[in-house]
Amino acid sequence: MFHLLTLPFRLVVGLLLGIVILPFALILLPFLLLRFVIKAVVTLALLPVILFVTLIGVVAGFFALSLAIAVPLLPLAFLAFCVWAIVRMASPAPVRII
């Protein structure tokens, strides 16, 4: 309700400030465009570096995740290998028929 009551005042103040600020905005417009152009050039120049560093980070993260999963499973894999080796050594040699 308060916004509806103050709406005419806000409209008048907004229009007056807009008219007063317009010349300053027109003076500053070339500088704002120059700022945008410089930011765009810097972004385009640094984009390959940023992508390369991001790729290195993703690869390092994947390597760390795979190690975090694999390292706790190494004792189980070693036990499975020992059982496989014992079973293979205990089984008789296959007969080859030529």
Protein backbone atom coordinates (compact mmCIF):
# COMPACT_ATOMS: atom_id res chain seq x y z
CA MET A 1 0.00 0.00 0.00
CA PHE A 2 2.88 2.36 0.81
CA HIS A 3 4.31 1.87 -2.70
CA LEU A 4 0.99 2.84 -4.26
CA LEU A 5 0.76 5.97 -2.12
CA THR A 6 4.26 7.15 -2.99
CA LEU A 7 4.08 6.19 -6.67
CA PRO A 8 3.49 9.74 -8.03
CA PHE A 9 6.43 11.09 -6.02
CA ARG A 10 8.69 8.27 -7.14
CA LEU A 11 7.72 8.87 -10.77
CA VAL A 12 8.43 12.61 -10.58
CA VAL A 13 11.75 12.14 -8.77
CA GLY A 14 12.78 9.36 -11.17
CA LEU A 15 11.99 11.46 -14.24
CA LEU A 16 13.78 14.54 -12.87
CA LEU A 17 16.86 12.55 -11.91
CA GLY A 18 16.80 10.82 -15.29
CA ILE A 19 16.77 14.18 -17.09
CA VAL A 20 19.58 15.52 -14.87
CA ILE A 21 21.74 12.40 -15.18
CA LEU A 22 21.29 11.97 -18.95
CA PRO A 23 24.06 14.43 -20.01
CA PHE A 24 26.54 12.78 -17.64
CA ALA A 25 25.59 9.37 -18.98
CA LEU A 26 26.18 10.56 -22.55
CA ILE A 27 29.59 11.91 -21.56
CA LEU A 28 30.55 8.66 -19.83
CA LEU A 29 29.23 6.38 -22.60
CA PRO A 30 32.49 6.26 -24.63
CA PHE A 31 34.44 5.32 -21.51
CA LEU A 32 31.96 2.57 -20.68
CA LEU A 33 32.25 1.22 -24.24
CA LEU A 34 36.05 1.35 -24.02
CA ARG A 35 35.89 -0.54 -20.72
CA PHE A 36 33.70 -3.19 -22.35
CA VAL A 37 36.08 -3.54 -25.32
CA ILE A 38 39.14 -3.87 -23.07
CA LYS A 39 37.40 -6.48 -20.91
CA ALA A 40 36.37 -8.44 -24.02
CA VAL A 41 39.93 -8.40 -25.42
CA VAL A 42 41.43 -9.51 -22.11
CA THR A 43 38.82 -12.26 -21.79
CA LEU A 44 39.50 -13.54 -25.29
CA ALA A 45 43.26 -13.45 -24.66
CA LEU A 46 43.02 -15.36 -21.37
CA LEU A 47 40.34 -17.85 -22.43
CA PRO A 48 42.77 -20.55 -23.72
CA VAL A 49 44.83 -20.30 -20.53
CA ILE A 50 41.73 -20.57 -18.36
CA LEU A 51 40.46 -23.57 -20.33
CA PHE A 52 43.86 -25.31 -20.10
CA VAL A 53 44.11 -24.75 -16.35
CA THR A 54 40.54 -26.00 -15.96
CA LEU A 55 41.37 -29.13 -17.95
CA ILE A 56 44.41 -29.79 -15.74
CA GLY A 57 42.22 -29.37 -12.65
CA VAL A 58 39.60 -31.79 -13.97
CA VAL A 59 42.26 -34.40 -14.82
CA ALA A 60 43.87 -34.01 -11.38
CA GLY A 61 40.48 -34.33 -9.72
CA PHE A 62 39.64 -37.45 -11.71
CA PHE A 63 43.03 -38.97 -10.80
CA ALA A 64 42.50 -38.16 -7.11
CA LEU A 65 39.00 -39.63 -7.17
CA SER A 66 40.17 -42.82 -8.85
CA LEU A 67 42.97 -43.18 -6.28
CA ALA A 68 40.52 -42.55 -3.45
CA ILE A 69 38.38 -45.41 -4.74
CA ALA A 70 41.19 -47.79 -5.73
CA VAL A 71 43.52 -47.54 -2.73
CA PRO A 72 41.07 -49.00 -0.17
CA LEU A 73 40.34 -51.86 -2.58
CA LEU A 74 44.01 -52.85 -3.04
CA PRO A 75 44.11 -55.30 -0.09
CA LEU A 76 41.04 -57.09 -1.44
CA ALA A 77 42.58 -57.22 -4.90
CA PHE A 78 45.79 -58.65 -3.40
CA LEU A 79 43.82 -61.36 -1.57
CA ALA A 80 41.94 -62.22 -4.76
CA PHE A 81 45.25 -62.46 -6.63
CA CYS A 82 46.71 -64.76 -3.94
CA VAL A 83 43.67 -67.06 -4.10
CA TRP A 84 43.84 -67.12 -7.91
CA ALA A 85 47.59 -67.94 -7.82
CA ILE A 86 47.11 -70.74 -5.27
CA VAL A 87 44.23 -72.28 -7.24
CA ARG A 88 46.21 -72.06 -10.47
CA MET A 89 49.30 -73.68 -8.92
CA ALA A 90 47.22 -76.44 -7.27
CA SER A 91 45.28 -77.38 -10.39
CA PRO A 92 46.75 -80.03 -12.68
CA ALA A 93 48.29 -79.03 -15.95
CA PRO A 94 45.89 -79.14 -18.88
CA VAL A 95 46.30 -82.09 -21.24
CA ARG A 96 47.10 -81.09 -24.79
CA ILE A 97 45.93 -83.37 -27.53
CA ILE A 98 47.57 -82.73 -30.81
